[in-house]
Amino acid sequence: MEHRTVHKIRPPGKRVNFIRSLDRIRGLSDREKELLRPVIREFPFWINSYYLNLIDWNNPHDPLRRLIIPDLGELDDWGESDVSNEKAVTVADGVQHKYPRTVLFLVTENCAGCCRYCFRKRIFRDDGCETAGNINEGLDYIKARPEVDNVLLTGGDPLMLSTRRLENIISELRSIEHIRIIRLGTKIPAFNPHRILDDPELPKMLARYSYPESRIYMIAHFDHPRELTCEARKAVNTIQAAGVIILNQNPIIRGISDQPDTMATLWKELSYLGVAQYYVFQTRPTIGNKPYTVPIVEAYFKIEEAKKRCSGLAKRIKYVMSHSSGKIEIVGVDRRHIYMKYHRAKHPRDDQRFFVCYRDDEAFWLDQLKPADRHRSNNEFRGMTLSPSWN
């Protein structure tokens, strides 16, 4: 068994090192590095010294190791580049408009680490630039649409931008009267909380634009309870003290976040910090993601088992699938059927629509399911005993 290597972290106030070569990962053997080189030629790799220090290198199945170290299964011929068809809702460079009230800005293609299961890995594979080099076109688009009341800054990770550049974007959005909510989709609190702790101007800036009647939301991305380090908790507290509301969302990932104990612990620990779990996503069948996907039925029952172990505050989640037709909530499974509802719909005809498909324990995406012949009545839900099939 290899000796665990501790990657030294620079003290607070100093820059966290970014690592883009497997050769610098001392916790991997030379043979492992050689085997994984074909993977990183296909799908890029990078991480930082802070996160490397969280990995238990004595455990080859360590979930944090699995989250950022490549897997040979990524080379399997499987999945699509843009499975949710984001291209179809792109209205300008880096601007997506899928749902009437929400616009997405992809403001950067940079992240503090490369999650192996990323559904936008096409951005990192030179499949075409999709981020906004100049936000003016997007701002003009929003100004002309008063029905849009919230904007999500994503990418990439918006907290990879300098505080000054991020403020330029936020201030422009705040000048648009009908924008009431600004959201920041970020994994920085998990990947590199020093970005928040070592830059006092960041929380000050956020406080200037998070108004009591028009808040900034930070949508964090903690995948595993071990990411909730002392530094991460302090970073969360710092952002909350700036008047920003923090929620968490993450996908259910094989070997990382797919066990009821793991999910329940994460949701409970977040609730103690005042952070609600927002969504649990079905992993998208993106190219390279085969090793990380959990079938819908298995995921559903594991999520339900995790809910049993939590208070109401800790389990305010929705289990959803970001399909090309909308955000679909998986609301129930019985012996024959999977029950779903459009939580958000691309087309008005699907708004809040409830529908039923035949149960398929191998299916991991809506397109693999067959519609049921008829809908069941509400009375048929009463008294059901859910029998897990994943034991």
Protein backbone atom coordinates (compact mmCIF):
# COMPACT_ATOMS: atom_id res chain seq x y z
CA MET A 1 0.00 0.00 0.00
CA GLU A 2 1.36 3.41 -0.94
CA HIS A 3 2.27 5.88 1.76
CA ARG A 4 -0.18 8.77 1.85
CA THR A 5 1.37 11.93 0.46
CA VAL A 6 0.37 15.20 2.11
CA HIS A 7 0.40 18.06 -0.37
CA LYS A 8 1.42 21.16 1.52
CA ILE A 9 -0.92 24.11 1.21
CA ARG A 10 0.40 27.62 1.19
CA PRO A 11 -0.69 29.53 4.32
CA PRO A 12 -3.79 31.80 4.19
CA GLY A 13 -3.15 34.90 2.12
CA LYS A 14 -0.92 33.00 -0.30
CA ARG A 15 -1.93 31.61 -3.66
CA VAL A 16 -3.20 28.03 -3.88
CA ASN A 17 -1.22 26.13 -6.53
CA PHE A 18 -2.98 24.78 -9.61
CA ILE A 19 -1.79 21.42 -10.95
CA ARG A 20 -2.39 20.40 -14.57
CA SER A 21 -0.11 17.39 -14.90
CA LEU A 22 -0.54 13.91 -13.45
CA ASP A 23 3.23 13.80 -13.02
CA ARG A 24 2.84 16.24 -10.11
CA ILE A 25 0.35 14.00 -8.28
CA ARG A 26 2.63 12.21 -5.85
CA GLY A 27 -0.19 10.02 -4.54
CA LEU A 28 -0.36 8.16 -7.88
CA SER A 29 2.09 5.42 -8.85
CA ASP A 30 4.06 5.72 -12.08
CA ARG A 31 1.99 2.87 -13.54
CA GLU A 32 -1.29 4.64 -12.70
CA LYS A 33 -0.05 7.82 -14.34
CA GLU A 34 0.95 5.96 -17.49
CA LEU A 35 -2.41 4.16 -17.72
CA LEU A 36 -4.32 7.42 -17.35
CA ARG A 37 -2.44 9.47 -19.94
CA PRO A 38 -4.82 8.49 -22.80
CA VAL A 39 -7.73 9.76 -20.68
CA ILE A 40 -6.29 13.21 -20.12
CA ARG A 41 -5.40 13.49 -23.79
CA GLU A 42 -9.14 13.16 -24.45
CA PHE A 43 -10.53 14.97 -21.39
CA PRO A 44 -8.41 17.64 -19.65
CA PHE A 45 -7.29 17.37 -16.04
CA TRP A 46 -6.47 19.98 -13.44
CA ILE A 47 -6.91 20.50 -9.71
CA ASN A 48 -5.38 22.61 -6.92
CA SER A 49 -3.17 21.89 -3.94
CA TYR A 50 -5.92 22.58 -1.38
CA TYR A 51 -8.21 19.87 -2.75
CA LEU A 52 -5.42 17.34 -3.24
CA ASN A 53 -4.71 17.57 0.46
CA LEU A 54 -8.22 16.28 1.24
CA ILE A 55 -7.70 12.97 -0.57
CA ASP A 56 -6.90 9.73 1.28
CA TRP A 57 -4.30 8.29 -1.09
CA ASN A 58 -4.26 5.01 0.87
CA ASN A 59 -7.81 4.37 -0.35
CA PRO A 60 -8.01 3.72 -4.12
CA HIS A 61 -11.79 4.21 -3.88
CA ASP A 62 -11.65 7.48 -1.97
CA PRO A 63 -14.61 9.57 -3.23
CA LEU A 64 -12.65 12.82 -3.46
CA ARG A 65 -9.93 11.05 -5.41
CA ARG A 66 -12.60 9.67 -7.73
CA LEU A 67 -14.04 13.14 -8.21
CA ILE A 68 -10.91 14.60 -9.79
CA ILE A 69 -8.58 11.74 -10.81
CA PRO A 70 -9.32 10.37 -14.32
CA ASP A 71 -10.92 6.95 -14.84
CA LEU A 72 -10.17 4.62 -17.76
CA GLY A 73 -13.92 4.15 -18.22
CA GLU A 74 -14.13 7.71 -19.52
CA LEU A 75 -12.76 6.39 -22.81
CA ASP A 76 -15.77 4.11 -23.38
CA ASP A 77 -17.75 5.01 -26.49
CA TRP A 78 -20.78 6.34 -24.65
CA GLY A 79 -22.82 9.52 -24.27
CA GLU A 80 -23.23 12.78 -26.14
CA SER A 81 -21.34 16.05 -26.10
CA ASP A 82 -24.41 18.25 -25.46
CA VAL A 83 -27.04 15.84 -24.17
CA SER A 84 -29.36 18.60 -22.90
CA ASN A 85 -29.11 20.45 -26.24
CA GLU A 86 -27.92 23.72 -24.73
CA LYS A 87 -26.98 24.82 -28.22
CA ALA A 88 -30.69 25.09 -29.08
CA VAL A 89 -31.33 27.64 -26.33
CA THR A 90 -28.16 29.71 -26.87
CA VAL A 91 -29.26 33.20 -27.93
CA ALA A 92 -25.86 34.92 -27.91
CA ASP A 93 -22.24 34.07 -27.07
CA GLY A 94 -22.35 32.59 -23.57
CA VAL A 95 -26.06 33.34 -23.11
CA GLN A 96 -28.73 30.65 -22.73
CA HIS A 97 -32.46 31.29 -22.40
CA LYS A 98 -34.41 28.06 -21.85
CA TYR A 99 -37.03 29.08 -19.29
CA PRO A 100 -39.04 32.32 -19.59
CA ARG A 101 -37.89 33.98 -16.35
CA THR A 102 -34.27 32.83 -16.21
CA VAL A 103 -31.20 33.58 -18.33
CA LEU A 104 -27.82 31.83 -17.98
CA PHE A 105 -24.53 33.63 -18.51
CA LEU A 106 -21.52 31.39 -19.11
CA VAL A 107 -19.03 34.02 -17.98
CA THR A 108 -15.87 31.89 -17.95
CA GLU A 109 -14.64 28.47 -19.00
CA ASN A 110 -12.32 28.20 -15.98
CA CYS A 111 -12.89 26.16 -12.82
CA ALA A 112 -10.79 25.56 -9.70
CA GLY A 113 -10.74 21.88 -10.61
CA CYS A 114 -12.08 19.63 -13.34
CA CYS A 115 -14.86 17.34 -12.09
CA ARG A 116 -14.56 14.11 -14.03
CA TYR A 117 -18.34 13.89 -14.48
CA CYS A 118 -18.74 17.46 -15.81
CA PHE A 119 -21.66 17.75 -18.24
CA ARG A 120 -20.03 20.70 -20.05
CA LYS A 121 -16.67 19.03 -20.65
CA ARG A 122 -17.13 19.93 -24.33
CA ILE A 123 -16.11 23.45 -23.32
CA PHE A 124 -12.74 22.12 -22.14
CA ARG A 125 -12.19 19.94 -25.25
CA ASP A 126 -11.99 22.80 -27.76
CA ASP A 127 -15.42 21.89 -29.15
CA GLY A 128 -16.09 25.59 -29.69
CA CYS A 129 -16.15 28.65 -27.45
CA GLU A 130 -19.45 28.94 -25.59
CA THR A 131 -18.57 31.52 -22.95
CA ALA A 132 -19.31 35.21 -23.13
CA GLY A 133 -16.24 37.17 -24.18
CA ASN A 134 -18.28 40.37 -24.09
CA ILE A 135 -21.45 40.51 -21.99
CA ASN A 136 -22.96 43.57 -23.69
CA GLU A 137 -24.94 41.51 -26.19
CA GLY A 138 -26.39 39.43 -23.38
CA LEU A 139 -27.19 42.50 -21.28
CA ASP A 140 -29.03 44.07 -24.21
CA TYR A 141 -30.95 40.83 -24.66
CA ILE A 142 -32.06 40.86 -21.00
CA LYS A 143 -32.97 44.54 -20.99
CA ALA A 144 -35.37 43.92 -23.86
CA ARG A 145 -37.17 41.12 -21.96
CA PRO A 146 -38.95 42.35 -18.82
CA GLU A 147 -40.28 38.84 -18.13
CA VAL A 148 -36.74 37.79 -17.12
CA ASP A 149 -36.33 38.37 -13.40
CA ASN A 150 -33.26 36.30 -12.53
CA VAL A 151 -29.87 35.58 -14.05
CA LEU A 152 -27.53 32.69 -13.29
CA LEU A 153 -23.80 33.33 -13.68
CA THR A 154 -22.13 30.03 -14.48
CA GLY A 155 -19.56 28.56 -16.84
CA GLY A 156 -17.00 27.40 -15.74
CA ASP A 157 -17.08 29.00 -12.33
CA PRO A 158 -17.81 32.74 -11.98
CA LEU A 159 -15.70 32.97 -8.81
CA MET A 160 -12.67 32.22 -10.94
CA LEU A 161 -13.07 35.77 -12.24
CA SER A 162 -11.34 38.58 -10.37
CA THR A 163 -13.56 40.39 -7.90
CA ARG A 164 -13.33 43.53 -10.01
CA ARG A 165 -14.45 41.76 -13.17
CA LEU A 166 -17.23 39.95 -11.34
CA GLU A 167 -18.43 43.26 -9.91
CA ASN A 168 -18.56 44.73 -13.41
CA ILE A 169 -21.00 42.02 -14.44
CA ILE A 170 -23.10 42.15 -11.27
CA SER A 171 -23.35 45.94 -11.26
CA GLU A 172 -24.58 45.92 -14.87
CA LEU A 173 -27.23 43.36 -13.99
CA ARG A 174 -28.30 45.36 -10.95
CA SER A 175 -28.90 48.37 -13.18
CA ILE A 176 -31.65 46.42 -14.97
CA GLU A 177 -34.82 47.10 -13.01
CA HIS A 178 -36.60 43.80 -13.67
CA ILE A 179 -33.66 41.60 -12.55
CA ARG A 180 -34.53 40.70 -8.96
CA ILE A 181 -32.25 37.71 -8.39
CA ILE A 182 -28.63 37.12 -9.37
CA ARG A 183 -27.32 33.60 -8.86
CA LEU A 184 -23.69 32.46 -8.77
CA GLY A 185 -23.22 28.79 -9.62
CA THR A 186 -19.91 27.79 -8.02
CA LYS A 187 -17.85 24.93 -6.59
CA ILE A 188 -15.25 27.32 -5.19
CA PRO A 189 -16.36 26.85 -1.53
CA ALA A 190 -15.57 23.13 -1.94
CA PHE A 191 -12.63 23.30 -4.35
CA ASN A 192 -10.81 26.34 -2.97
CA PRO A 193 -12.42 28.25 -0.07
CA HIS A 194 -9.27 30.39 0.16
CA ARG A 195 -10.58 32.26 -2.88
CA ILE A 196 -13.21 33.64 -0.49
CA LEU A 197 -11.22 33.73 2.75
CA ASP A 198 -8.17 35.49 1.30
CA ASP A 199 -10.05 38.18 -0.64
CA PRO A 200 -11.93 40.47 1.77
CA GLU A 201 -13.08 42.58 -1.17
CA LEU A 202 -15.22 39.71 -2.51
CA PRO A 203 -17.75 39.53 0.38
CA LYS A 204 -17.75 43.33 0.60
CA MET A 205 -18.63 43.56 -3.07
CA LEU A 206 -21.38 40.93 -2.79
CA ALA A 207 -22.84 42.76 0.21
CA ARG A 208 -23.15 45.94 -1.87
CA TYR A 209 -25.38 44.19 -4.42
CA SER A 210 -27.35 41.72 -2.27
CA TYR A 211 -30.29 43.87 -1.24
CA PRO A 212 -32.87 42.90 1.40
CA GLU A 213 -35.57 43.00 -1.27
CA SER A 214 -33.42 41.59 -4.10
CA ARG A 215 -30.90 39.00 -2.98
CA ILE A 216 -27.85 37.44 -4.53
CA TYR A 217 -27.95 33.65 -4.30
CA MET A 218 -24.86 31.46 -4.28
CA ILE A 219 -25.61 27.97 -5.58
CA ALA A 220 -22.77 25.94 -4.08
CA HIS A 221 -21.65 22.49 -5.23
CA PHE A 222 -20.64 20.25 -2.34
CA ASP A 223 -20.65 16.62 -3.50
CA HIS A 224 -19.44 14.90 -0.35
CA PRO A 225 -19.45 15.74 3.39
CA ARG A 226 -15.64 15.58 3.53
CA GLU A 227 -15.57 18.71 1.36
CA LEU A 228 -17.10 20.59 4.31
CA THR A 229 -13.73 21.36 5.90
CA CYS A 230 -13.16 24.05 8.50
CA GLU A 231 -12.05 26.39 5.71
CA ALA A 232 -15.11 25.59 3.61
CA ARG A 233 -17.46 26.20 6.56
CA LYS A 234 -15.75 29.50 7.30
CA ALA A 235 -16.10 30.51 3.64
CA VAL A 236 -19.82 29.70 3.76
CA ASN A 237 -20.21 31.77 6.93
CA THR A 238 -18.34 34.66 5.31
CA ILE A 239 -20.64 34.71 2.29
CA GLN A 240 -23.74 34.40 4.46
CA ALA A 241 -22.57 37.35 6.57
CA ALA A 242 -22.48 39.39 3.35
CA GLY A 243 -26.23 38.90 2.98
CA VAL A 244 -25.96 36.25 0.27
CA ILE A 245 -28.28 33.23 0.45
CA ILE A 246 -26.47 29.93 -0.13
CA LEU A 247 -28.09 26.77 -1.45
CA ASN A 248 -26.43 23.53 -2.52
CA GLN A 249 -26.95 21.28 -5.52
CA ASN A 250 -25.04 18.30 -6.87
CA PRO A 251 -25.54 15.25 -9.07
CA ILE A 252 -25.77 11.69 -7.80
CA ILE A 253 -22.42 10.21 -8.86
CA ARG A 254 -21.33 6.57 -8.72
CA GLY A 255 -18.68 6.12 -6.04
CA ILE A 256 -18.96 9.71 -4.76
CA SER A 257 -22.48 10.71 -3.76
CA ASP A 258 -24.55 7.59 -4.40
CA GLN A 259 -24.92 6.17 -0.88
CA PRO A 260 -27.79 7.08 1.50
CA ASP A 261 -25.42 7.64 4.44
CA THR A 262 -23.29 10.02 2.37
CA MET A 263 -26.28 11.98 1.11
CA ALA A 264 -27.95 12.21 4.51
CA THR A 265 -24.74 13.34 6.21
CA LEU A 266 -24.13 16.01 3.57
CA TRP A 267 -27.69 17.37 3.73
CA LYS A 268 -27.69 17.43 7.54
CA GLU A 269 -24.31 19.12 7.84
CA LEU A 270 -25.36 21.72 5.28
CA SER A 271 -28.62 22.35 7.16
CA TYR A 272 -26.64 23.00 10.35
CA LEU A 273 -24.78 25.70 8.40
CA GLY A 274 -28.05 27.21 7.20
CA VAL A 275 -27.61 25.88 3.64
CA ALA A 276 -30.53 24.04 2.07
CA GLN A 277 -29.98 21.23 -0.43
CA TYR A 278 -31.67 22.57 -3.57
CA TYR A 279 -31.47 19.85 -6.23
CA VAL A 280 -30.01 16.38 -6.60
CA PHE A 281 -29.42 15.92 -10.33
CA GLN A 282 -29.55 12.75 -12.36
CA THR A 283 -26.12 12.50 -13.99
CA ARG A 284 -26.35 13.49 -17.64
CA PRO A 285 -25.25 10.87 -20.19
CA THR A 286 -22.44 13.09 -21.42
CA ILE A 287 -19.53 11.72 -23.38
CA GLY A 288 -16.99 10.24 -20.96
CA ASN A 289 -19.46 9.96 -18.07
CA LYS A 290 -20.26 6.24 -18.15
CA PRO A 291 -18.29 5.38 -14.95
CA TYR A 292 -20.22 7.97 -12.94
CA THR A 293 -23.86 7.35 -13.86
CA VAL A 294 -26.45 5.77 -11.54
CA PRO A 295 -29.72 4.41 -13.05
CA ILE A 296 -32.86 6.41 -12.25
CA VAL A 297 -34.61 3.74 -10.18
CA GLU A 298 -31.55 2.99 -8.06
CA ALA A 299 -30.94 6.69 -7.52
CA TYR A 300 -34.55 7.33 -6.56
CA PHE A 301 -34.67 4.68 -3.84
CA LYS A 302 -31.29 5.69 -2.42
CA ILE A 303 -32.41 9.32 -2.22
CA GLU A 304 -35.63 8.25 -0.48
CA GLU A 305 -33.62 6.16 1.99
CA ALA A 306 -31.39 9.17 2.71
CA LYS A 307 -34.45 11.34 3.34
CA LYS A 308 -35.57 9.00 6.12
CA ARG A 309 -32.48 9.98 8.09
CA CYS A 310 -32.98 13.74 7.87
CA SER A 311 -35.18 16.43 9.35
CA GLY A 312 -37.55 18.31 7.11
CA LEU A 313 -35.08 21.19 6.92
CA ALA A 314 -32.33 18.90 5.64
CA LYS A 315 -34.38 17.12 2.96
CA ARG A 316 -36.00 19.96 1.05
CA ILE A 317 -34.58 18.55 -2.16
CA LYS A 318 -35.97 17.77 -5.57
CA TYR A 319 -34.50 14.88 -7.53
CA VAL A 320 -34.43 16.18 -11.09
CA MET A 321 -33.20 15.49 -14.58
CA SER A 322 -32.02 18.41 -16.76
CA HIS A 323 -33.49 17.11 -19.99
CA SER A 324 -33.54 19.06 -23.25
CA SER A 325 -37.30 19.50 -22.79
CA GLY A 326 -37.01 20.87 -19.27
CA LYS A 327 -36.16 20.13 -15.66
CA ILE A 328 -38.04 16.93 -14.83
CA GLU A 329 -38.66 15.91 -11.24
CA ILE A 330 -38.74 12.18 -10.44
CA VAL A 331 -41.54 12.03 -7.89
CA GLY A 332 -42.18 8.30 -7.45
CA VAL A 333 -41.40 4.73 -8.44
CA ASP A 334 -43.49 1.61 -7.90
CA ARG A 335 -43.21 -1.95 -9.21
CA ARG A 336 -44.34 -1.01 -12.73
CA HIS A 337 -43.96 2.72 -13.23
CA ILE A 338 -41.80 5.80 -12.79
CA TYR A 339 -43.78 8.98 -12.02
CA MET A 340 -42.44 12.32 -13.18
CA LYS A 341 -43.42 15.98 -13.44
CA TYR A 342 -42.02 18.96 -15.28
CA HIS A 343 -40.58 21.22 -12.59
CA ARG A 344 -39.48 23.66 -15.31
CA ALA A 345 -40.49 23.26 -18.93
CA LYS A 346 -38.98 24.56 -22.15
CA HIS A 347 -42.38 24.57 -23.85
CA PRO A 348 -45.48 26.10 -22.15
CA ARG A 349 -47.52 23.00 -23.02
CA ASP A 350 -45.38 21.01 -20.56
CA ASP A 351 -45.55 23.42 -17.62
CA GLN A 352 -46.09 21.35 -14.43
CA ARG A 353 -47.21 18.39 -16.55
CA PHE A 354 -47.35 15.06 -14.74
CA PHE A 355 -46.56 11.92 -16.72
CA VAL A 356 -45.83 8.23 -16.23
CA CYS A 357 -43.33 5.85 -17.83
CA TYR A 358 -42.85 2.13 -17.49
CA ARG A 359 -40.22 1.20 -14.94
CA ASP A 360 -36.85 0.21 -16.38
CA ASP A 361 -34.19 -0.42 -13.74
CA GLU A 362 -31.37 -0.02 -16.29
CA ALA A 363 -32.49 3.35 -17.67
CA PHE A 364 -30.51 6.43 -16.71
CA TRP A 365 -32.24 9.05 -18.92
CA LEU A 366 -35.78 9.90 -20.00
CA ASP A 367 -35.11 8.96 -23.63
CA GLN A 368 -34.62 5.32 -22.58
CA LEU A 369 -38.04 5.07 -20.91
CA LYS A 370 -41.31 4.05 -22.57
CA PRO A 371 -44.43 6.12 -21.83
CA ALA A 372 -47.10 4.22 -19.91
CA ASP A 373 -50.42 3.52 -21.59
CA ARG A 374 -52.40 5.43 -19.01
CA HIS A 375 -52.03 7.68 -15.96
CA ARG A 376 -52.87 6.36 -12.56
CA SER A 377 -55.23 8.19 -10.24
CA ASN A 378 -54.01 9.87 -7.05
CA ASN A 379 -55.78 7.18 -4.99
CA GLU A 380 -53.36 4.55 -6.28
CA PHE A 381 -50.43 6.30 -4.58
CA ARG A 382 -51.92 5.78 -1.11
CA GLY A 383 -50.56 2.90 0.91
CA MET A 384 -47.82 1.93 -1.54
CA THR A 385 -44.82 0.06 -0.14
CA LEU A 386 -41.68 1.10 -1.99
CA SER A 387 -39.42 -1.89 -2.44
CA PRO A 388 -35.80 -0.94 -3.14
CA SER A 389 -34.23 -2.89 -5.99
CA TRP A 390 -30.65 -1.78 -5.46
CA ASN A 391 -29.68 -3.97 -2.48
